Amino acid sequence: MTSLRRRLILLLVASIVGVVGLATAAAISVMGGPRPEVIMEPVARQIRLLVQLVPGELPGLKRVQIDLSDHPAGGIEDPKHTRVLNEILHNDGLELPAVVTRVVGKRRMVASVRLPDDRWMLVNIPDFSPPQRGWIVLAGWITLIVLGATAVSLYFTAVLTRPLEMLEAAVAKIGPDGVLAPLPEDGSGEVRATARALNQLSARLKTAMESRMRLVAAAGHDLRTPMTRMRLRVEFLDEDEREKWLNDLDELDRIADSAIRLVREEVDQDDVETVQLEKLVRDIVAEMETLGHHVTVERLEAVSVRAGALGLRRAIRNLMINAATHGAGCSVALTASNGKAMLGLTDRGPGIPPELLDKAFEPFFRVDPGRRQSVPGAGLGLAIAKEIIERYGGAVTLQNRDGGGLCQRIVFDAVSQHSVASGESAYA
């Protein structure tokens, strides 16, 4: 019972049922019949009068119907009514023992009073208890109230939690670009206000991200002009100084190019299609070998995924270059299991310290800043690869291998072979 909706339903139902329970308890106390003192008072008065009419007390007794017996009435004794009746008779000065019994199978009681001559006078007591059908009606009434309270609680809880559900749905639909999907502005006033606020937030986020991307692209582009002038001036330096300046300028050039490529990945997104991943990986491996990188293939299973072919190719190439450059070679394994396509890129390098694994996908990340000159690159390859893979619904993780080295693992939802054979476009 952790969700707010369930808590509200439980609270409303408990509150309504609690109030109904108190009202029902009051109704039951009323429907349970009057107190014994109320019933026994007129019965005791009747007994006093009848005792005076016993034979030998008044003339004309034959015209009065008095039920006399040698033993008390049968049935189950009612201790409470018996005690109350004896107390009333005693207070009235009539010292005659009495017993109140309930007749088995009938809804009535009988008061048996022992006379001085050891005979018993039987007096019928009217039944003031509610009819048996009354309890059935009461049970049905309570059941209807509980069901009605539950239905009302469900409805009003749904109305109250609708804005919260809209927030949850909007967050779940956030795209890879971090922008909320547009929400329909209809329903109650609160729901419309919530949808309008979320849409405005989404528009502002999109504007801010586009502005940031334009700023990064403009900065990377504008860097080229002063870097060109610097290259011209470097030509007038001596050979030793010229080499150092050219290395620094090359690194600045790579940073500018990587920043522009990162912006393009955010803005220029290729269409999603069915990509035969094993063919794509095989082509990239061949390209890496042509460029002089040491890449080996362990296993390539036939599997297809839904992604942009050009973007996915760029991401996997970046990860392979990272493994081959920093890990003294790259080993590739592509497998398919349980509807998932898993691509593993392992190397034999020093790996990444565990405390830095979460930061490895940040832009311009370097395990050792001192390696900046010895290893080419701007530190954006992993960031670009992560951006592309997550855009198409995949996931990429890093893990240090036992015995040394790093494992880069990419996971995508696999496309069934039936979908591939049905005529969808595929990377070949």
Protein backbone atom coordinates (compact mmCIF):
# COMPACT_ATOMS: atom_id res chain seq x y z
CA MET A 1 0.00 0.00 0.00
CA THR A 2 2.62 2.52 -1.13
CA SER A 3 0.84 4.48 -3.87
CA LEU A 4 -0.96 7.71 -3.01
CA ARG A 5 -4.07 6.57 -4.88
CA ARG A 6 -4.42 3.42 -2.79
CA ARG A 7 -3.87 5.37 0.40
CA LEU A 8 -6.57 7.86 -0.52
CA ILE A 9 -8.99 5.06 -1.39
CA LEU A 10 -8.26 3.32 1.90
CA LEU A 11 -8.67 6.57 3.85
CA LEU A 12 -11.99 7.47 2.22
CA VAL A 13 -13.43 3.98 2.54
CA ALA A 14 -12.31 3.68 6.18
CA SER A 15 -13.78 7.09 7.02
CA ILE A 16 -17.16 6.40 5.41
CA VAL A 17 -17.39 2.87 6.78
CA GLY A 18 -16.38 4.15 10.23
CA VAL A 19 -19.18 6.71 10.26
CA VAL A 20 -21.64 4.12 8.99
CA GLY A 21 -20.38 1.69 11.64
CA LEU A 22 -21.13 4.17 14.42
CA ALA A 23 -24.59 4.83 13.00
CA THR A 24 -25.17 1.11 12.69
CA ALA A 25 -24.12 0.52 16.29
CA ALA A 26 -26.67 3.11 17.37
CA ALA A 27 -29.32 1.49 15.19
CA ILE A 28 -28.54 -1.96 16.61
CA SER A 29 -28.84 -0.66 20.16
CA VAL A 30 -32.30 0.64 19.27
CA MET A 31 -33.32 -2.43 17.30
CA GLY A 32 -32.18 -4.73 20.10
CA GLY A 33 -35.42 -4.08 21.96
CA PRO A 34 -36.17 -2.12 25.15
CA ARG A 35 -34.30 -2.66 28.40
CA PRO A 36 -35.57 -5.39 30.78
CA GLU A 37 -36.66 -2.75 33.31
CA VAL A 38 -39.03 -1.25 30.73
CA ILE A 39 -40.58 -4.64 29.92
CA MET A 40 -40.78 -6.05 33.45
CA GLU A 41 -42.46 -3.01 35.07
CA PRO A 42 -45.89 -3.54 33.47
CA VAL A 43 -45.50 -7.32 33.84
CA ALA A 44 -44.97 -6.92 37.59
CA ARG A 45 -48.03 -4.67 37.79
CA GLN A 46 -50.05 -7.32 35.98
CA ILE A 47 -48.78 -10.01 38.35
CA ARG A 48 -49.85 -7.97 41.41
CA LEU A 49 -53.37 -7.71 40.07
CA LEU A 50 -53.59 -11.38 39.12
CA VAL A 51 -52.31 -12.54 42.50
CA GLN A 52 -55.23 -10.72 44.09
CA LEU A 53 -57.62 -12.68 41.86
CA VAL A 54 -56.35 -16.08 42.94
CA PRO A 55 -59.29 -18.23 44.34
CA GLY A 56 -60.28 -17.21 47.84
CA GLU A 57 -59.30 -13.56 47.41
CA LEU A 58 -62.18 -11.97 45.46
CA PRO A 59 -65.66 -13.07 44.44
CA GLY A 60 -66.39 -13.53 40.75
CA LEU A 61 -63.08 -15.32 40.07
CA LYS A 62 -64.70 -17.67 37.55
CA ARG A 63 -65.04 -14.83 35.07
CA VAL A 64 -61.25 -14.16 35.08
CA GLN A 65 -58.85 -16.33 33.00
CA ILE A 66 -55.78 -17.16 35.12
CA ASP A 67 -53.29 -19.77 33.93
CA LEU A 68 -52.18 -21.91 36.88
CA SER A 69 -49.83 -24.88 36.78
CA ASP A 70 -48.07 -27.25 39.11
CA HIS A 71 -44.68 -26.37 37.62
CA PRO A 72 -43.12 -23.33 35.95
CA ALA A 73 -43.35 -22.81 32.21
CA GLY A 74 -40.89 -24.75 30.09
CA GLY A 75 -38.17 -23.18 28.01
CA ILE A 76 -34.82 -21.50 28.54
CA GLU A 77 -34.50 -19.28 31.58
CA ASP A 78 -33.58 -15.66 30.93
CA PRO A 79 -31.40 -14.68 33.94
CA LYS A 80 -31.44 -10.96 33.25
CA HIS A 81 -35.21 -10.60 32.94
CA THR A 82 -35.69 -12.99 35.88
CA ARG A 83 -33.48 -10.86 38.13
CA VAL A 84 -35.18 -7.60 37.13
CA LEU A 85 -38.70 -9.04 37.67
CA ASN A 86 -37.82 -10.37 41.15
CA GLU A 87 -36.31 -7.01 42.13
CA ILE A 88 -39.45 -5.13 41.07
CA LEU A 89 -41.76 -7.59 42.90
CA HIS A 90 -39.59 -7.32 46.02
CA ASN A 91 -39.65 -3.52 45.92
CA ASP A 92 -43.44 -3.66 45.62
CA GLY A 93 -43.66 -5.84 48.75
CA LEU A 94 -44.68 -8.98 46.92
CA GLU A 95 -42.36 -11.74 48.17
CA LEU A 96 -43.11 -14.31 45.51
CA PRO A 97 -40.30 -15.97 43.52
CA ALA A 98 -40.58 -15.60 39.76
CA VAL A 99 -38.80 -17.12 36.77
CA VAL A 100 -38.78 -15.73 33.22
CA THR A 101 -38.26 -18.27 30.44
CA ARG A 102 -38.06 -18.04 26.68
CA VAL A 103 -40.22 -20.47 24.75
CA VAL A 104 -38.12 -22.60 22.41
CA GLY A 105 -39.00 -22.03 18.75
CA LYS A 106 -41.25 -19.05 19.49
CA ARG A 107 -40.56 -15.35 19.85
CA ARG A 108 -42.13 -14.87 23.32
CA MET A 109 -41.34 -15.11 27.03
CA VAL A 110 -43.35 -16.43 29.98
CA ALA A 111 -43.15 -15.25 33.60
CA SER A 112 -43.79 -18.05 36.15
CA VAL A 113 -44.71 -16.83 39.66
CA ARG A 114 -44.79 -19.28 42.59
CA LEU A 115 -47.90 -18.78 44.75
CA PRO A 116 -48.13 -19.49 48.49
CA ASP A 117 -49.92 -22.78 47.78
CA ASP A 118 -46.91 -23.98 45.67
CA ARG A 119 -48.74 -23.56 42.42
CA TRP A 120 -47.28 -21.50 39.57
CA MET A 121 -49.08 -18.65 37.86
CA LEU A 122 -48.02 -18.26 34.24
CA VAL A 123 -48.08 -14.80 32.64
CA ASN A 124 -47.27 -14.29 28.97
CA ILE A 125 -44.86 -11.42 28.19
CA PRO A 126 -45.20 -9.69 24.83
CA ASP A 127 -42.13 -9.79 22.61
CA PHE A 128 -40.77 -6.31 21.94
CA SER A 129 -37.64 -7.40 20.03
CA PRO A 130 -37.32 -6.40 16.37
CA PRO A 131 -38.49 -8.87 13.70
CA GLN A 132 -35.90 -11.25 12.26
CA ARG A 133 -36.21 -9.75 8.79
CA GLY A 134 -35.09 -6.43 10.25
CA TRP A 135 -31.56 -7.75 10.72
CA ILE A 136 -31.47 -8.90 7.10
CA VAL A 137 -32.56 -5.47 5.93
CA LEU A 138 -29.94 -3.86 8.19
CA ALA A 139 -27.17 -6.11 6.80
CA GLY A 140 -28.21 -5.30 3.24
CA TRP A 141 -28.30 -1.59 4.05
CA ILE A 142 -24.76 -1.71 5.49
CA THR A 143 -23.50 -3.67 2.47
CA LEU A 144 -24.96 -1.14 0.03
CA ILE A 145 -23.37 1.73 1.95
CA VAL A 146 -19.96 0.05 1.94
CA LEU A 147 -20.16 -0.68 -1.80
CA GLY A 148 -21.34 2.85 -2.51
CA ALA A 149 -18.57 4.33 -0.36
CA THR A 150 -15.98 2.26 -2.23
CA ALA A 151 -17.30 3.35 -5.63
CA VAL A 152 -17.37 7.02 -4.61
CA SER A 153 -13.86 6.74 -3.13
CA LEU A 154 -12.52 5.20 -6.33
CA TYR A 155 -14.02 7.97 -8.46
CA PHE A 156 -12.91 10.92 -6.37
CA THR A 157 -9.47 9.41 -5.77
CA ALA A 158 -9.03 9.08 -9.53
CA VAL A 159 -10.01 12.74 -9.92
CA LEU A 160 -7.65 13.86 -7.16
CA THR A 161 -4.67 11.86 -8.42
CA ARG A 162 -5.16 12.64 -12.12
CA PRO A 163 -2.58 15.50 -12.13
CA LEU A 164 -0.07 13.27 -10.35
CA GLU A 165 -0.66 10.48 -12.87
CA MET A 166 -0.16 13.01 -15.64
CA LEU A 167 3.16 14.01 -14.11
CA GLU A 168 4.23 10.37 -13.90
CA ALA A 169 3.19 9.69 -17.50
CA ALA A 170 4.97 12.82 -18.72
CA VAL A 171 8.20 11.87 -16.97
CA ALA A 172 7.97 8.35 -18.40
CA LYS A 173 7.65 9.80 -21.92
CA ILE A 174 10.73 12.00 -21.72
CA GLY A 175 12.65 11.44 -24.92
CA PRO A 176 16.38 10.91 -25.31
CA ASP A 177 16.72 14.67 -25.86
CA GLY A 178 15.34 15.30 -22.37
CA VAL A 179 12.18 17.05 -23.64
CA LEU A 180 8.70 16.14 -22.42
CA ALA A 181 6.14 14.91 -24.92
CA PRO A 182 3.22 17.37 -25.50
CA LEU A 183 0.21 16.70 -23.25
CA PRO A 184 -3.45 17.33 -24.18
CA GLU A 185 -4.83 20.30 -22.26
CA ASP A 186 -8.31 18.99 -21.50
CA GLY A 187 -10.27 17.70 -18.50
CA SER A 188 -10.89 19.49 -15.21
CA GLY A 189 -9.36 22.87 -14.37
CA GLU A 190 -6.59 21.34 -12.28
CA VAL A 191 -5.72 18.83 -15.00
CA ARG A 192 -5.65 21.52 -17.69
CA ALA A 193 -3.44 23.72 -15.51
CA THR A 194 -1.04 20.82 -14.88
CA ALA A 195 -0.86 19.92 -18.58
CA ARG A 196 -0.32 23.57 -19.54
CA ALA A 197 2.49 23.97 -17.00
CA LEU A 198 4.21 20.78 -18.23
CA ASN A 199 3.93 21.86 -21.86
CA GLN A 200 5.42 25.25 -21.03
CA LEU A 201 8.23 23.56 -19.12
CA SER A 202 8.90 21.27 -22.09
CA ALA A 203 9.02 24.23 -24.48
CA ARG A 204 11.45 26.11 -22.25
CA LEU A 205 13.67 23.06 -21.88
CA LYS A 206 13.74 22.56 -25.63
CA THR A 207 14.58 26.22 -26.23
CA ALA A 208 17.36 26.13 -23.63
CA MET A 209 18.87 22.96 -25.07
CA GLU A 210 18.77 24.29 -28.62
CA SER A 211 20.39 27.51 -27.45
CA ARG A 212 23.11 25.52 -25.71
CA MET A 213 23.72 23.44 -28.82
CA ARG A 214 23.96 26.54 -31.00
CA LEU A 215 26.38 28.09 -28.54
CA VAL A 216 28.64 25.02 -28.55
CA ALA A 217 28.53 24.79 -32.35
CA ALA A 218 29.28 28.48 -32.73
CA ALA A 219 32.17 28.28 -30.27
CA GLY A 220 33.65 25.28 -32.08
CA HIS A 221 33.25 27.00 -35.44
CA ASP A 222 34.66 30.32 -34.27
CA LEU A 223 37.72 28.61 -32.84
CA ARG A 224 38.86 27.70 -36.33
CA THR A 225 39.64 31.30 -37.38
CA PRO A 226 42.12 32.11 -34.56
CA MET A 227 43.57 28.60 -34.85
CA THR A 228 44.25 29.20 -38.57
CA ARG A 229 46.00 32.48 -37.77
CA MET A 230 48.03 30.72 -35.10
CA ARG A 231 49.10 28.06 -37.60
CA LEU A 232 50.36 30.75 -39.94
CA ARG A 233 52.35 32.40 -37.18
CA VAL A 234 53.80 29.07 -36.08
CA GLU A 235 55.57 28.79 -39.41
CA PHE A 236 57.91 31.60 -38.32
CA LEU A 237 59.03 29.77 -35.16
CA ASP A 238 62.04 27.51 -34.89
CA GLU A 239 61.57 23.81 -35.47
CA ASP A 240 61.37 22.68 -31.81
CA GLU A 241 58.82 25.31 -30.80
CA ARG A 242 56.87 24.81 -34.04
CA GLU A 243 56.37 21.10 -33.27
CA LYS A 244 54.97 21.83 -29.80
CA TRP A 245 52.64 24.53 -31.06
CA LEU A 246 51.39 22.32 -33.89
CA ASN A 247 50.61 19.51 -31.45
CA ASP A 248 48.61 21.89 -29.26
CA LEU A 249 46.77 23.26 -32.27
CA ASP A 250 45.97 19.75 -33.49
CA GLU A 251 44.44 18.96 -30.11
CA LEU A 252 42.38 22.17 -30.18
CA ASP A 253 41.23 21.23 -33.65
CA ARG A 254 40.12 17.79 -32.48
CA ILE A 255 38.22 19.34 -29.56
CA ALA A 256 36.43 21.76 -31.87
CA ASP A 257 35.55 18.99 -34.33
CA SER A 258 34.28 16.72 -31.55
CA ALA A 259 32.14 19.50 -30.07
CA ILE A 260 30.57 20.18 -33.47
CA ARG A 261 29.93 16.45 -33.99
CA LEU A 262 28.29 16.23 -30.56
CA VAL A 263 25.92 19.06 -31.51
CA ARG A 264 25.14 17.38 -34.80
CA GLU A 265 24.24 14.18 -32.98
CA GLU A 266 21.76 16.19 -30.90
CA VAL A 267 20.22 17.97 -33.89
CA ASP A 268 20.72 15.86 -37.01
CA GLN A 269 19.20 12.49 -36.16
CA ASP A 270 18.92 9.88 -38.89
CA ASP A 271 15.76 7.83 -39.42
CA VAL A 272 15.14 4.69 -37.41
CA GLU A 273 15.24 1.44 -39.37
CA THR A 274 15.92 -2.24 -38.87
CA VAL A 275 19.69 -2.72 -38.77
CA GLN A 276 21.37 -6.11 -39.16
CA LEU A 277 23.79 -5.62 -36.34
CA GLU A 278 26.20 -8.45 -37.15
CA LYS A 279 26.81 -7.07 -40.68
CA LEU A 280 27.27 -3.56 -39.31
CA VAL A 281 29.80 -4.77 -36.74
CA ARG A 282 31.68 -6.82 -39.33
CA ASP A 283 32.03 -3.75 -41.59
CA ILE A 284 33.29 -1.62 -38.69
CA VAL A 285 35.84 -4.29 -37.75
CA ALA A 286 37.12 -4.33 -41.33
CA GLU A 287 37.36 -0.53 -41.28
CA MET A 288 39.30 -0.61 -37.97
CA GLU A 289 41.77 -3.12 -39.39
CA THR A 290 42.28 -0.89 -42.44
CA LEU A 291 43.12 2.00 -40.11
CA GLY A 292 45.71 -0.13 -38.34
CA HIS A 293 43.76 -0.91 -35.15
CA HIS A 294 44.06 -4.39 -33.67
CA VAL A 295 40.50 -5.76 -33.54
CA THR A 296 39.54 -9.44 -33.31
CA VAL A 297 36.13 -11.10 -33.60
CA GLU A 298 35.18 -13.80 -31.11
CA ARG A 299 31.55 -14.38 -32.05
CA LEU A 300 28.95 -12.66 -34.25
CA GLU A 301 25.39 -13.99 -34.08
CA ALA A 302 22.75 -12.90 -36.56
CA VAL A 303 20.54 -10.31 -34.83
CA SER A 304 18.75 -7.13 -35.85
CA VAL A 305 17.86 -3.98 -33.91
CA ARG A 306 15.87 -0.80 -34.48
CA ALA A 307 18.15 2.24 -34.75
CA GLY A 308 19.63 4.79 -37.11
CA ALA A 309 22.26 3.01 -39.17
CA LEU A 310 24.67 5.93 -39.52
CA GLY A 311 24.40 7.01 -35.89
CA LEU A 312 24.78 3.47 -34.55
CA ARG A 313 27.79 2.91 -36.82
CA ARG A 314 29.41 6.07 -35.43
CA ALA A 315 28.75 5.02 -31.82
CA ILE A 316 30.17 1.51 -32.19
CA ARG A 317 33.16 2.85 -34.09
CA ASN A 318 33.89 5.30 -31.24
CA LEU A 319 33.75 2.50 -28.68
CA MET A 320 35.99 0.25 -30.75
CA ILE A 321 38.52 3.04 -31.23
CA ASN A 322 38.45 3.69 -27.48
CA ALA A 323 39.17 0.01 -26.75
CA ALA A 324 41.82 -0.37 -29.44
CA THR A 325 43.59 2.90 -28.54
CA HIS A 326 43.55 2.74 -24.76
CA GLY A 327 43.35 -1.02 -24.29
CA ALA A 328 46.02 -2.42 -26.61
CA GLY A 329 43.49 -4.09 -28.89
CA CYS A 330 39.77 -4.83 -28.99
CA SER A 331 37.89 -8.14 -28.92
CA VAL A 332 34.31 -8.16 -30.27
CA ALA A 333 31.47 -10.56 -29.33
CA LEU A 334 27.83 -10.20 -30.46
CA THR A 335 25.20 -12.51 -28.95
CA ALA A 336 21.38 -12.67 -28.84
CA SER A 337 19.45 -13.99 -25.85
CA ASN A 338 15.95 -13.50 -24.38
CA GLY A 339 14.98 -10.90 -26.96
CA LYS A 340 18.13 -8.84 -26.34
CA ALA A 341 21.12 -8.11 -28.60
CA MET A 342 24.33 -7.79 -26.57
CA LEU A 343 27.56 -6.45 -28.05
CA GLY A 344 30.67 -6.74 -25.89
CA LEU A 345 33.92 -4.90 -26.62
CA THR A 346 36.77 -6.01 -24.37
CA ASP A 347 40.37 -4.88 -24.21
CA ARG A 348 43.57 -5.64 -22.28
CA GLY A 349 44.33 -2.13 -21.10
CA PRO A 350 44.66 -0.70 -17.58
CA GLY A 351 40.90 -0.20 -17.24
CA ILE A 352 39.27 2.66 -15.33
CA PRO A 353 39.42 3.16 -11.55
CA PRO A 354 36.09 2.03 -10.02
CA GLU A 355 35.40 5.46 -8.56
CA LEU A 356 35.64 7.02 -12.05
CA LEU A 357 33.46 4.55 -13.97
CA ASP A 358 30.34 6.71 -13.52
CA LYS A 359 32.17 9.73 -14.97
CA ALA A 360 33.59 7.97 -18.03
CA PHE A 361 30.72 9.11 -20.28
CA GLU A 362 31.05 12.77 -19.34
CA PRO A 363 32.34 15.08 -22.12
CA PHE A 364 36.13 15.61 -22.16
CA PHE A 365 36.65 12.86 -19.57
CA ARG A 366 40.24 11.66 -19.10
CA VAL A 367 41.37 8.97 -16.68
CA ASP A 368 44.79 10.65 -16.55
CA PRO A 369 44.96 14.26 -17.78
CA GLY A 370 48.71 13.82 -18.24
CA ARG A 371 48.04 11.43 -21.14
CA ARG A 372 46.49 14.21 -23.21
CA GLN A 373 49.54 14.62 -25.42
CA SER A 374 50.43 10.95 -25.81
CA VAL A 375 46.95 9.71 -26.72
CA PRO A 376 45.00 11.54 -29.44
CA GLY A 377 41.39 12.49 -28.96
CA ALA A 378 39.25 15.13 -27.31
CA GLY A 379 37.51 12.96 -24.72
CA LEU A 380 34.11 13.11 -26.44
CA GLY A 381 34.01 9.68 -28.09
CA LEU A 382 32.28 7.90 -25.20
CA ALA A 383 29.89 10.81 -24.63
CA ILE A 384 28.81 10.80 -28.29
CA ALA A 385 28.45 7.00 -28.32
CA LYS A 386 26.27 7.04 -25.18
CA GLU A 387 24.10 9.81 -26.61
CA ILE A 388 23.48 7.86 -29.84
CA ILE A 389 22.85 4.47 -28.20
CA GLU A 390 20.40 5.79 -25.60
CA ARG A 391 18.59 7.82 -28.26
CA TYR A 392 17.60 4.56 -29.96
CA GLY A 393 16.53 2.82 -26.75
CA GLY A 394 19.77 0.98 -26.01
CA ALA A 395 22.09 1.02 -23.03
CA VAL A 396 25.87 1.08 -22.71
CA THR A 397 27.82 0.18 -19.59
CA LEU A 398 31.47 -0.09 -18.59
CA GLN A 399 32.96 -2.74 -16.33
CA ASN A 400 36.51 -3.59 -15.36
CA ARG A 401 37.51 -7.15 -16.19
CA ASP A 402 39.04 -9.56 -13.74
CA GLY A 403 42.74 -9.69 -14.45
CA GLY A 404 42.83 -6.29 -16.16
CA GLY A 405 41.14 -4.61 -19.06
CA LEU A 406 37.77 -2.98 -19.68
CA CYS A 407 34.51 -4.38 -21.04
CA GLN A 408 32.16 -2.05 -22.93
CA ARG A 409 28.71 -3.65 -23.20
CA ILE A 410 25.91 -2.45 -25.48
CA VAL A 411 22.37 -3.87 -25.09
CA PHE A 412 19.46 -3.37 -27.50
CA ASP A 413 16.03 -4.95 -27.88
CA ALA A 414 16.36 -7.48 -30.68
CA VAL A 415 14.00 -7.45 -33.64
CA SER A 416 12.36 -10.77 -34.49
CA GLN A 417 13.46 -12.45 -37.70
CA HIS A 418 9.83 -12.45 -38.86
CA SER A 419 9.81 -8.63 -38.80
CA VAL A 420 13.05 -8.52 -40.76
CA ALA A 421 11.73 -10.94 -43.37
CA SER A 422 8.41 -9.09 -43.71
CA GLY A 423 10.00 -6.41 -45.89
CA GLU A 424 11.36 -3.81 -43.46
CA SER A 425 14.49 -1.95 -44.55
CA ALA A 426 17.68 -3.39 -43.13
CA TYR A 427 21.33 -2.42 -43.12
CA ALA A 428 23.27 -4.67 -45.48
